[in-house]
Amino acid sequence: MFQPGHEYTKGNVKFGKTVLQNDSIKKLEEFANSNKETQGKFTIGDEKNHNVFMRVTDPNIQKAVGKNDPIDVMGKLRELKNAS
């Protein structure tokens, strides 16, 4: 079971768009802009499509962060998110 406890969607969309542009992120942005609360509305499958932290093996994200090893990609994503 996946139980999100905090509302991070709008911030995650803003950051996610800096490293990945896909239809899932666009749809998530539309949903977030239309709804005050979004936590608990998405499945793990949805998250795998729009959550850049769950896509560390995606070549587009690897290219965006300049890393190939999934652990290094995660570290760079975290570094970039913290700075945003």
PDB file of N, CA and C in Angstrom:
ATOM      1  N   MET A   1       0.843  -1.177   0.000  1.00  0.00           N
ATOM      2  CA  MET A   1       0.000   0.000   0.000  1.00  0.00           C
ATOM      3  C   MET A   1       0.885   1.236   0.000  1.00  0.00           C
ATOM      4  N   PHE A   2       0.487   2.220  -0.746  1.00  0.00           N
ATOM      5  CA  PHE A   2       1.213   3.484  -0.857  1.00  0.00           C
ATOM      6  C   PHE A   2       0.372   4.566  -0.211  1.00  0.00           C
ATOM      7  N   GLN A   3       0.852   5.175   0.875  1.00  0.00           N
ATOM      8  CA  GLN A   3       0.129   6.214   1.601  1.00  0.00           C
ATOM      9  C   GLN A   3       0.904   7.526   1.580  1.00  0.00           C
ATOM     10  N   PRO A   4       0.627   8.398   0.623  1.00  0.00           N
ATOM     11  CA  PRO A   4       1.310   9.695   0.637  1.00  0.00           C
ATOM     12  C   PRO A   4       0.793  10.529   1.789  1.00  0.00           C
ATOM     13  N   GLY A   5       1.678  11.276   2.408  1.00  0.00           N
ATOM     14  CA  GLY A   5       1.264  12.045   3.566  1.00  0.00           C
ATOM     15  C   GLY A   5       1.406  13.544   3.422  1.00  0.00           C
ATOM     16  N   HIS A   6       1.955  13.999   2.318  1.00  0.00           N
ATOM     17  CA  HIS A   6       2.187  15.428   2.166  1.00  0.00           C
ATOM     18  C   HIS A   6       1.803  15.876   0.769  1.00  0.00           C
ATOM     19  N   GLU A   7       1.510  17.142   0.634  1.00  0.00           N
ATOM     20  CA  GLU A   7       1.118  17.716  -0.648  1.00  0.00           C
ATOM     21  C   GLU A   7       2.329  18.352  -1.320  1.00  0.00           C
ATOM     22  N   TYR A   8       2.922  17.607  -2.224  1.00  0.00           N
ATOM     23  CA  TYR A   8       4.116  18.073  -2.936  1.00  0.00           C
ATOM     24  C   TYR A   8       3.904  18.181  -4.443  1.00  0.00           C
ATOM     25  N   THR A   9       2.719  17.890  -4.913  1.00  0.00           N
ATOM     26  CA  THR A   9       2.506  17.717  -6.347  1.00  0.00           C
ATOM     27  C   THR A   9       2.929  18.919  -7.173  1.00  0.00           C
ATOM     28  N   LYS A  10       2.490  20.111  -6.793  1.00  0.00           N
ATOM     29  CA  LYS A  10       2.821  21.289  -7.612  1.00  0.00           C
ATOM     30  C   LYS A  10       4.325  21.542  -7.649  1.00  0.00           C
ATOM     31  N   GLY A  11       5.001  21.373  -6.531  1.00  0.00           N
ATOM     32  CA  GLY A  11       6.446  21.542  -6.496  1.00  0.00           C
ATOM     33  C   GLY A  11       7.150  20.465  -7.299  1.00  0.00           C
ATOM     34  N   ASN A  12       6.622  19.243  -7.244  1.00  0.00           N
ATOM     35  CA  ASN A  12       7.221  18.155  -8.006  1.00  0.00           C
ATOM     36  C   ASN A  12       7.043  18.362  -9.504  1.00  0.00           C
ATOM     37  N   VAL A  13       5.882  18.892  -9.897  1.00  0.00           N
ATOM     38  CA  VAL A  13       5.662  19.188 -11.315  1.00  0.00           C
ATOM     39  C   VAL A  13       6.639  20.260 -11.785  1.00  0.00           C
ATOM     40  N   LYS A  14       6.753  21.305 -11.001  1.00  0.00           N
ATOM     41  CA  LYS A  14       7.658  22.399 -11.375  1.00  0.00           C
ATOM     42  C   LYS A  14       9.081  21.880 -11.563  1.00  0.00           C
ATOM     43  N   PHE A  15       9.539  21.067 -10.629  1.00  0.00           N
ATOM     44  CA  PHE A  15      10.878  20.505 -10.745  1.00  0.00           C
ATOM     45  C   PHE A  15      10.949  19.481 -11.874  1.00  0.00           C
ATOM     46  N   GLY A  16       9.981  18.592 -11.943  1.00  0.00           N
ATOM     47  CA  GLY A  16       9.994  17.540 -12.953  1.00  0.00           C
ATOM     48  C   GLY A  16      10.096  18.081 -14.364  1.00  0.00           C
ATOM     49  N   LYS A  17       9.445  19.192 -14.618  1.00  0.00           N
ATOM     50  CA  LYS A  17       9.489  19.798 -15.949  1.00  0.00           C
ATOM     51  C   LYS A  17      10.886  20.287 -16.321  1.00  0.00           C
ATOM     52  N   THR A  18      11.741  20.476 -15.346  1.00  0.00           N
ATOM     53  CA  THR A  18      13.099  20.935 -15.657  1.00  0.00           C
ATOM     54  C   THR A  18      13.972  19.810 -16.197  1.00  0.00           C
ATOM     55  N   VAL A  19      13.570  18.554 -15.953  1.00  0.00           N
ATOM     56  CA  VAL A  19      14.375  17.424 -16.422  1.00  0.00           C
ATOM     57  C   VAL A  19      13.633  16.480 -17.364  1.00  0.00           C
ATOM     58  N   LEU A  20      12.322  16.614 -17.468  1.00  0.00           N
ATOM     59  CA  LEU A  20      11.563  15.709 -18.317  1.00  0.00           C
ATOM     60  C   LEU A  20      10.295  16.399 -18.798  1.00  0.00           C
ATOM     61  N   GLN A  21      10.063  16.323 -20.075  1.00  0.00           N
ATOM     62  CA  GLN A  21       8.814  16.801 -20.656  1.00  0.00           C
ATOM     63  C   GLN A  21       8.108  15.602 -21.275  1.00  0.00           C
ATOM     64  N   ASN A  22       7.017  15.186 -20.682  1.00  0.00           N
ATOM     65  CA  ASN A  22       6.224  14.118 -21.284  1.00  0.00           C
ATOM     66  C   ASN A  22       4.751  14.367 -21.002  1.00  0.00           C
ATOM     67  N   ASP A  23       3.902  13.593 -21.640  1.00  0.00           N
ATOM     68  CA  ASP A  23       2.457  13.793 -21.485  1.00  0.00           C
ATOM     69  C   ASP A  23       2.006  13.572 -20.050  1.00  0.00           C
ATOM     70  N   SER A  24       2.647  12.647 -19.341  1.00  0.00           N
ATOM     71  CA  SER A  24       2.258  12.369 -17.953  1.00  0.00           C
ATOM     72  C   SER A  24       2.493  13.587 -17.065  1.00  0.00           C
ATOM     73  N   ILE A  25       3.612  14.261 -17.254  1.00  0.00           N
ATOM     74  CA  ILE A  25       3.888  15.460 -16.451  1.00  0.00           C
ATOM     75  C   ILE A  25       2.918  16.580 -16.827  1.00  0.00           C
ATOM     76  N   LYS A  26       2.613  16.701 -18.094  1.00  0.00           N
ATOM     77  CA  LYS A  26       1.654  17.726 -18.536  1.00  0.00           C
ATOM     78  C   LYS A  26       0.279  17.475 -17.932  1.00  0.00           C
ATOM     79  N   LYS A  27      -0.152  16.222 -17.932  1.00  0.00           N
ATOM     80  CA  LYS A  27      -1.448  15.867 -17.336  1.00  0.00           C
ATOM     81  C   LYS A  27      -1.430  16.105 -15.832  1.00  0.00           C
ATOM     82  N   LEU A  28      -0.325  15.758 -15.191  1.00  0.00           N
ATOM     83  CA  LEU A  28      -0.208  15.981 -13.752  1.00  0.00           C
ATOM     84  C   LEU A  28      -0.272  17.472 -13.443  1.00  0.00           C
ATOM     85  N   GLU A  29       0.378  18.274 -14.248  1.00  0.00           N
ATOM     86  CA  GLU A  29       0.346  19.726 -14.039  1.00  0.00           C
ATOM     87  C   GLU A  29      -1.077  20.257 -14.174  1.00  0.00           C
ATOM     88  N   GLU A  30      -1.794  19.811 -15.183  1.00  0.00           N
ATOM     89  CA  GLU A  30      -3.190  20.229 -15.360  1.00  0.00           C
ATOM     90  C   GLU A  30      -4.025  19.822 -14.148  1.00  0.00           C
ATOM     91  N   PHE A  31      -3.832  18.596 -13.680  1.00  0.00           N
ATOM     92  CA  PHE A  31      -4.579  18.117 -12.521  1.00  0.00           C
ATOM     93  C   PHE A  31      -4.241  18.939 -11.275  1.00  0.00           C
ATOM     94  N   ALA A  32      -2.965  19.181 -11.060  1.00  0.00           N
ATOM     95  CA  ALA A  32      -2.532  19.935  -9.879  1.00  0.00           C
ATOM     96  C   ALA A  32      -3.068  21.363  -9.908  1.00  0.00           C
ATOM     97  N   ASN A  33      -3.104  21.956 -11.083  1.00  0.00           N
ATOM     98  CA  ASN A  33      -3.604  23.331 -11.199  1.00  0.00           C
ATOM     99  C   ASN A  33      -5.114  23.420 -11.013  1.00  0.00           C
ATOM    100  N   SER A  34      -5.800  22.299 -11.200  1.00  0.00           N
ATOM    101  CA  SER A  34      -7.259  22.275 -11.092  1.00  0.00           C
ATOM    102  C   SER A  34      -7.755  21.769  -9.743  1.00  0.00           C
ATOM    103  N   ASN A  35      -6.842  21.283  -8.899  1.00  0.00           N
ATOM    104  CA  ASN A  35      -7.247  20.683  -7.624  1.00  0.00           C
ATOM    105  C   ASN A  35      -6.367  21.183  -6.493  1.00  0.00           C
ATOM    106  N   LYS A  36      -7.012  21.572  -5.396  1.00  0.00           N
ATOM    107  CA  LYS A  36      -6.265  22.062  -4.235  1.00  0.00           C
ATOM    108  C   LYS A  36      -5.428  20.952  -3.608  1.00  0.00           C
ATOM    109  N   GLU A  37      -6.016  19.774  -3.467  1.00  0.00           N
ATOM    110  CA  GLU A  37      -5.303  18.643  -2.877  1.00  0.00           C
ATOM    111  C   GLU A  37      -5.201  17.522  -3.899  1.00  0.00           C
ATOM    112  N   THR A  38      -4.022  16.965  -4.018  1.00  0.00           N
ATOM    113  CA  THR A  38      -3.805  15.911  -5.010  1.00  0.00           C
ATOM    114  C   THR A  38      -3.238  14.638  -4.406  1.00  0.00           C
ATOM    115  N   GLN A  39      -2.849  14.649  -3.141  1.00  0.00           N
ATOM    116  CA  GLN A  39      -2.245  13.461  -2.546  1.00  0.00           C
ATOM    117  C   GLN A  39      -3.247  12.319  -2.513  1.00  0.00           C
ATOM    118  N   GLY A  40      -2.736  11.121  -2.782  1.00  0.00           N
ATOM    119  CA  GLY A  40      -3.573   9.936  -2.745  1.00  0.00           C
ATOM    120  C   GLY A  40      -4.400   9.726  -4.005  1.00  0.00           C
ATOM    121  N   LYS A  41      -4.188  10.498  -5.026  1.00  0.00           N
ATOM    122  CA  LYS A  41      -4.984  10.396  -6.253  1.00  0.00           C
ATOM    123  C   LYS A  41      -4.303   9.594  -7.353  1.00  0.00           C
ATOM    124  N   PHE A  42      -3.078   9.146  -7.127  1.00  0.00           N
ATOM    125  CA  PHE A  42      -2.314   8.484  -8.169  1.00  0.00           C
ATOM    126  C   PHE A  42      -1.809   7.128  -7.717  1.00  0.00           C
ATOM    127  N   THR A  43      -1.679   6.237  -8.672  1.00  0.00           N
ATOM    128  CA  THR A  43      -1.166   4.896  -8.395  1.00  0.00           C
ATOM    129  C   THR A  43       0.362   4.895  -8.533  1.00  0.00           C
ATOM    130  N   ILE A  44       0.972   3.819  -8.115  1.00  0.00           N
ATOM    131  CA  ILE A  44       2.417   3.656  -8.320  1.00  0.00           C
ATOM    132  C   ILE A  44       2.718   3.693  -9.825  1.00  0.00           C
ATOM    133  N   GLY A  45       1.847   3.100 -10.624  1.00  0.00           N
ATOM    134  CA  GLY A  45       2.027   3.149 -12.077  1.00  0.00           C
ATOM    135  C   GLY A  45       2.049   4.571 -12.599  1.00  0.00           C
ATOM    136  N   ASP A  46       1.158   5.411 -12.076  1.00  0.00           N
ATOM    137  CA  ASP A  46       1.158   6.828 -12.460  1.00  0.00           C
ATOM    138  C   ASP A  46       2.472   7.481 -12.062  1.00  0.00           C
ATOM    139  N   GLU A  47       2.902   7.206 -10.842  1.00  0.00           N
ATOM    140  CA  GLU A  47       4.141   7.802 -10.329  1.00  0.00           C
ATOM    141  C   GLU A  47       5.337   7.419 -11.206  1.00  0.00           C
ATOM    142  N   LYS A  48       5.344   6.185 -11.679  1.00  0.00           N
ATOM    143  CA  LYS A  48       6.444   5.745 -12.530  1.00  0.00           C
ATOM    144  C   LYS A  48       6.473   6.503 -13.851  1.00  0.00           C
ATOM    145  N   ASN A  49       5.360   7.068 -14.239  1.00  0.00           N
ATOM    146  CA  ASN A  49       5.301   7.845 -15.474  1.00  0.00           C
ATOM    147  C   ASN A  49       5.670   9.311 -15.281  1.00  0.00           C
ATOM    148  N   HIS A  50       5.305   9.888 -14.141  1.00  0.00           N
ATOM    149  CA  HIS A  50       5.539  11.330 -13.990  1.00  0.00           C
ATOM    150  C   HIS A  50       6.513  11.727 -12.882  1.00  0.00           C
ATOM    151  N   ASN A  51       6.929  10.813 -12.060  1.00  0.00           N
ATOM    152  CA  ASN A  51       7.846  11.141 -10.972  1.00  0.00           C
ATOM    153  C   ASN A  51       9.280  10.866 -11.429  1.00  0.00           C
ATOM    154  N   VAL A  52      10.042  11.932 -11.634  1.00  0.00           N
ATOM    155  CA  VAL A  52      11.401  11.766 -12.168  1.00  0.00           C
ATOM    156  C   VAL A  52      12.288  10.940 -11.233  1.00  0.00           C
ATOM    157  N   PHE A  53      11.999  10.928  -9.948  1.00  0.00           N
ATOM    158  CA  PHE A  53      12.787  10.147  -8.999  1.00  0.00           C
ATOM    159  C   PHE A  53      12.553   8.645  -9.161  1.00  0.00           C
ATOM    160  N   MET A  54      11.492   8.273  -9.857  1.00  0.00           N
ATOM    161  CA  MET A  54      11.201   6.865 -10.125  1.00  0.00           C
ATOM    162  C   MET A  54      11.604   6.483 -11.550  1.00  0.00           C
ATOM    163  N   ARG A  55      12.360   7.364 -12.210  1.00  0.00           N
ATOM    164  CA  ARG A  55      12.742   7.128 -13.605  1.00  0.00           C
ATOM    165  C   ARG A  55      14.247   7.265 -13.790  1.00  0.00           C
ATOM    166  N   VAL A  56      15.022   6.819 -12.826  1.00  0.00           N
ATOM    167  CA  VAL A  56      16.478   7.028 -12.855  1.00  0.00           C
ATOM    168  C   VAL A  56      17.183   6.244 -13.960  1.00  0.00           C
ATOM    169  N   THR A  57      16.492   5.304 -14.595  1.00  0.00           N
ATOM    170  CA  THR A  57      17.084   4.578 -15.721  1.00  0.00           C
ATOM    171  C   THR A  57      16.618   5.137 -17.063  1.00  0.00           C
ATOM    172  N   ASP A  58      15.800   6.164 -17.048  1.00  0.00           N
ATOM    173  CA  ASP A  58      15.305   6.790 -18.275  1.00  0.00           C
ATOM    174  C   ASP A  58      16.437   7.564 -18.951  1.00  0.00           C
ATOM    175  N   PRO A  59      16.769   7.233 -20.204  1.00  0.00           N
ATOM    176  CA  PRO A  59      17.873   7.921 -20.890  1.00  0.00           C
ATOM    177  C   PRO A  59      17.698   9.436 -20.980  1.00  0.00           C
ATOM    178  N   ASN A  60      16.451   9.907 -21.085  1.00  0.00           N
ATOM    179  CA  ASN A  60      16.210  11.356 -21.150  1.00  0.00           C
ATOM    180  C   ASN A  60      16.581  12.046 -19.847  1.00  0.00           C
ATOM    181  N   ILE A  61      16.267  11.407 -18.735  1.00  0.00           N
ATOM    182  CA  ILE A  61      16.608  11.987 -17.434  1.00  0.00           C
ATOM    183  C   ILE A  61      18.107  11.879 -17.198  1.00  0.00           C
ATOM    184  N   GLN A  62      18.687  10.751 -17.568  1.00  0.00           N
ATOM    185  CA  GLN A  62      20.136  10.599 -17.437  1.00  0.00           C
ATOM    186  C   GLN A  62      20.860  11.680 -18.228  1.00  0.00           C
ATOM    187  N   LYS A  63      20.398  11.958 -19.419  1.00  0.00           N
ATOM    188  CA  LYS A  63      21.004  13.007 -20.239  1.00  0.00           C
ATOM    189  C   LYS A  63      20.826  14.379 -19.587  1.00  0.00           C
ATOM    190  N   ALA A  64      19.641  14.634 -19.059  1.00  0.00           N
ATOM    191  CA  ALA A  64      19.356  15.932 -18.435  1.00  0.00           C
ATOM    192  C   ALA A  64      20.248  16.216 -17.232  1.00  0.00           C
ATOM    193  N   VAL A  65      20.611  15.154 -16.483  1.00  0.00           N
ATOM    194  CA  VAL A  65      21.435  15.363 -15.284  1.00  0.00           C
ATOM    195  C   VAL A  65      22.905  15.041 -15.516  1.00  0.00           C
ATOM    196  N   GLY A  66      23.227  14.513 -16.697  1.00  0.00           N
ATOM    197  CA  GLY A  66      24.621  14.226 -17.027  1.00  0.00           C
ATOM    198  C   GLY A  66      25.216  13.045 -16.286  1.00  0.00           C
ATOM    199  N   LYS A  67      24.368  12.108 -15.910  1.00  0.00           N
ATOM    200  CA  LYS A  67      24.812  10.901 -15.183  1.00  0.00           C
ATOM    201  C   LYS A  67      24.142   9.686 -15.803  1.00  0.00           C
ATOM    202  N   ASN A  68      24.787   8.514 -15.684  1.00  0.00           N
ATOM    203  CA  ASN A  68      24.210   7.287 -16.229  1.00  0.00           C
ATOM    204  C   ASN A  68      23.872   6.249 -15.170  1.00  0.00           C
ATOM    205  N   ASP A  69      24.685   6.154 -14.143  1.00  0.00           N
ATOM    206  CA  ASP A  69      24.426   5.190 -13.079  1.00  0.00           C
ATOM    207  C   ASP A  69      23.181   5.635 -12.299  1.00  0.00           C
ATOM    208  N   PRO A  70      22.198   4.753 -12.098  1.00  0.00           N
ATOM    209  CA  PRO A  70      20.969   5.143 -11.408  1.00  0.00           C
ATOM    210  C   PRO A  70      21.182   5.796 -10.041  1.00  0.00           C
ATOM    211  N   ILE A  71      22.168   5.339  -9.298  1.00  0.00           N
ATOM    212  CA  ILE A  71      22.440   5.943  -7.989  1.00  0.00           C
ATOM    213  C   ILE A  71      22.933   7.371  -8.159  1.00  0.00           C
ATOM    214  N   ASP A  72      23.801   7.583  -9.142  1.00  0.00           N
ATOM    215  CA  ASP A  72      24.297   8.932  -9.416  1.00  0.00           C
ATOM    216  C   ASP A  72      23.184   9.836  -9.943  1.00  0.00           C
ATOM    217  N   VAL A  73      22.292   9.261 -10.763  1.00  0.00           N
ATOM    218  CA  VAL A  73      21.154  10.032 -11.276  1.00  0.00           C
ATOM    219  C   VAL A  73      20.279  10.484 -10.112  1.00  0.00           C
ATOM    220  N   MET A  74      19.992   9.571  -9.190  1.00  0.00           N
ATOM    221  CA  MET A  74      19.171   9.915  -8.021  1.00  0.00           C
ATOM    222  C   MET A  74      19.838  11.018  -7.207  1.00  0.00           C
ATOM    223  N   GLY A  75      21.130  10.897  -6.980  1.00  0.00           N
ATOM    224  CA  GLY A  75      21.849  11.912  -6.214  1.00  0.00           C
ATOM    225  C   GLY A  75      21.798  13.273  -6.882  1.00  0.00           C
ATOM    226  N   LYS A  76      21.970  13.290  -8.194  1.00  0.00           N
ATOM    227  CA  LYS A  76      21.940  14.559  -8.920  1.00  0.00           C
ATOM    228  C   LYS A  76      20.531  15.140  -8.934  1.00  0.00           C
ATOM    229  N   LEU A  77      19.526  14.309  -9.102  1.00  0.00           N
ATOM    230  CA  LEU A  77      18.145  14.796  -9.041  1.00  0.00           C
ATOM    231  C   LEU A  77      17.862  15.426  -7.684  1.00  0.00           C
ATOM    232  N   ARG A  78      18.307  14.748  -6.624  1.00  0.00           N
ATOM    233  CA  ARG A  78      18.073  15.276  -5.275  1.00  0.00           C
ATOM    234  C   ARG A  78      18.781  16.612  -5.098  1.00  0.00           C
ATOM    235  N   GLU A  79      20.020  16.688  -5.579  1.00  0.00           N
ATOM    236  CA  GLU A  79      20.788  17.925  -5.497  1.00  0.00           C
ATOM    237  C   GLU A  79      20.065  19.066  -6.240  1.00  0.00           C
ATOM    238  N   LEU A  80      19.600  18.773  -7.427  1.00  0.00           N
ATOM    239  CA  LEU A  80      18.882  19.783  -8.221  1.00  0.00           C
ATOM    240  C   LEU A  80      17.573  20.184  -7.567  1.00  0.00           C
ATOM    241  N   LYS A  81      16.839  19.221  -7.040  1.00  0.00           N
ATOM    242  CA  LYS A  81      15.564  19.517  -6.370  1.00  0.00           C
ATOM    243  C   LYS A  81      15.799  20.363  -5.137  1.00  0.00           C
ATOM    244  N   ASN A  82      16.824  20.035  -4.368  1.00  0.00           N
ATOM    245  CA  ASN A  82      17.117  20.816  -3.174  1.00  0.00           C
ATOM    246  C   ASN A  82      17.462  22.259  -3.511  1.00  0.00           C
ATOM    247  N   ALA A  83      18.099  22.468  -4.660  1.00  0.00           N
ATOM    248  CA  ALA A  83      18.501  23.810  -5.064  1.00  0.00           C
ATOM    249  C   ALA A  83      17.382  24.599  -5.737  1.00  0.00           C
ATOM    250  N   SER A  84      16.285  23.904  -6.055  1.00  0.00           N
ATOM    251  CA  SER A  84      15.201  24.594  -6.773  1.00  0.00           C
ATOM    252  C   SER A  84      14.228  25.289  -5.838  1.00  0.00           C
TER     253      SER A  84
END
